[in-house]
Amino acid sequence: MAVKDEIEERLTAAFHPSVLTVVNESHRHAGHAGDDGTGESHFHITIRAEALAAMSRLARHRAVQKALGDLTSRIHAIALDIG
């Protein structure tokens, strides 16, 4: 399964978001530090979920990282837009 699909699956299961967009931006970082050559190293995630809305910014980021679990070790960079 592609990393993008795993991200979507895990975040959907954890938060039942009203909005979830996962964009693979790895091509923009080809040849840079952190590019492991897999084409799945950099992602931008936009998520809107009621469960996240009441949390502080730091708590939201921690909750998303926790939901992604071991995937974070396979990803060099994640940009988060959480609400």
Protein backbone atom coordinates (compact mmCIF):
# COMPACT_ATOMS: atom_id res chain seq x y z
CA MET A 1 0.00 0.00 0.00
CA ALA A 2 1.27 3.48 -0.83
CA VAL A 3 2.24 5.68 2.12
CA LYS A 4 -0.37 8.27 1.04
CA ASP A 5 -3.09 5.63 1.25
CA GLU A 6 -1.87 4.45 4.66
CA ILE A 7 -1.92 8.04 5.96
CA GLU A 8 -5.50 8.51 4.73
CA GLU A 9 -6.60 5.18 6.21
CA ARG A 10 -5.09 5.82 9.64
CA LEU A 11 -6.31 9.41 9.96
CA THR A 12 -9.81 8.48 8.81
CA ALA A 13 -9.98 5.67 11.37
CA ALA A 14 -8.68 7.87 14.18
CA PHE A 15 -10.61 11.09 13.58
CA HIS A 16 -13.47 10.56 11.09
CA PRO A 17 -12.57 13.88 9.44
CA SER A 18 -14.97 16.09 7.53
CA VAL A 19 -12.01 17.13 5.35
CA LEU A 20 -8.89 15.09 4.66
CA THR A 21 -6.43 15.88 1.90
CA VAL A 22 -3.07 14.18 1.66
CA VAL A 23 -0.73 15.51 -1.02
CA ASN A 24 2.51 13.76 -1.86
CA GLU A 25 5.03 16.58 -2.37
CA SER A 26 8.07 14.34 -2.63
CA HIS A 27 8.74 15.35 -6.24
CA ARG A 28 9.40 18.91 -5.03
CA HIS A 29 12.24 17.65 -2.84
CA ALA A 30 13.97 15.26 -5.22
CA GLY A 31 17.71 15.31 -4.66
CA HIS A 32 17.41 17.26 -1.40
CA ALA A 33 18.32 16.04 2.07
CA GLY A 34 15.70 13.59 3.26
CA ASP A 35 14.82 12.37 -0.23
CA ASP A 36 15.25 8.62 0.08
CA GLY A 37 14.42 7.99 -3.57
CA THR A 38 11.12 6.23 -2.85
CA GLY A 39 8.98 9.15 -4.00
CA GLU A 40 7.14 8.93 -0.66
CA SER A 41 9.14 11.12 1.70
CA HIS A 42 7.30 14.48 1.91
CA PHE A 43 3.56 15.02 2.50
CA HIS A 44 1.18 17.90 3.11
CA ILE A 45 -1.88 16.94 5.16
CA THR A 46 -5.00 19.04 5.59
CA ILE A 47 -7.43 17.63 8.13
CA ARG A 48 -10.59 18.98 9.71
CA ALA A 49 -12.22 16.89 12.41
CA GLU A 50 -14.49 17.61 15.33
CA ALA A 51 -12.25 15.51 17.59
CA LEU A 52 -9.32 17.83 16.86
CA ALA A 53 -11.15 21.14 17.05
CA ALA A 54 -11.17 21.46 20.85
CA MET A 55 -7.47 20.60 21.21
CA SER A 56 -4.59 23.04 21.43
CA ARG A 57 -2.37 23.31 18.39
CA LEU A 58 0.33 21.20 20.04
CA ALA A 59 -2.19 18.56 21.15
CA ARG A 60 -3.60 18.34 17.59
CA HIS A 61 -0.13 17.76 16.15
CA ARG A 62 0.64 15.12 18.77
CA ALA A 63 -2.68 13.36 18.11
CA VAL A 64 -2.01 13.21 14.37
CA GLN A 65 1.53 11.93 14.94
CA LYS A 66 0.20 9.28 17.31
CA ALA A 67 -2.44 8.18 14.78
CA LEU A 68 0.23 7.86 12.09
CA GLY A 69 2.33 5.72 14.43
CA ASP A 70 5.21 3.89 12.76
CA LEU A 71 4.58 5.65 9.45
CA THR A 72 6.40 8.69 10.78
CA SER A 73 9.68 6.78 10.69
CA ARG A 74 9.17 6.21 6.95
CA ILE A 75 8.42 9.87 6.16
CA HIS A 76 11.02 12.64 6.15
CA ALA A 77 8.64 15.61 6.36
CA ILE A 78 4.97 16.22 7.08
CA ALA A 79 3.37 19.64 6.75
CA LEU A 80 0.14 19.78 8.77
CA ASP A 81 -2.85 22.05 8.36
CA ILE A 82 -5.12 20.96 11.20
CA GLY A 83 -8.43 22.33 12.36
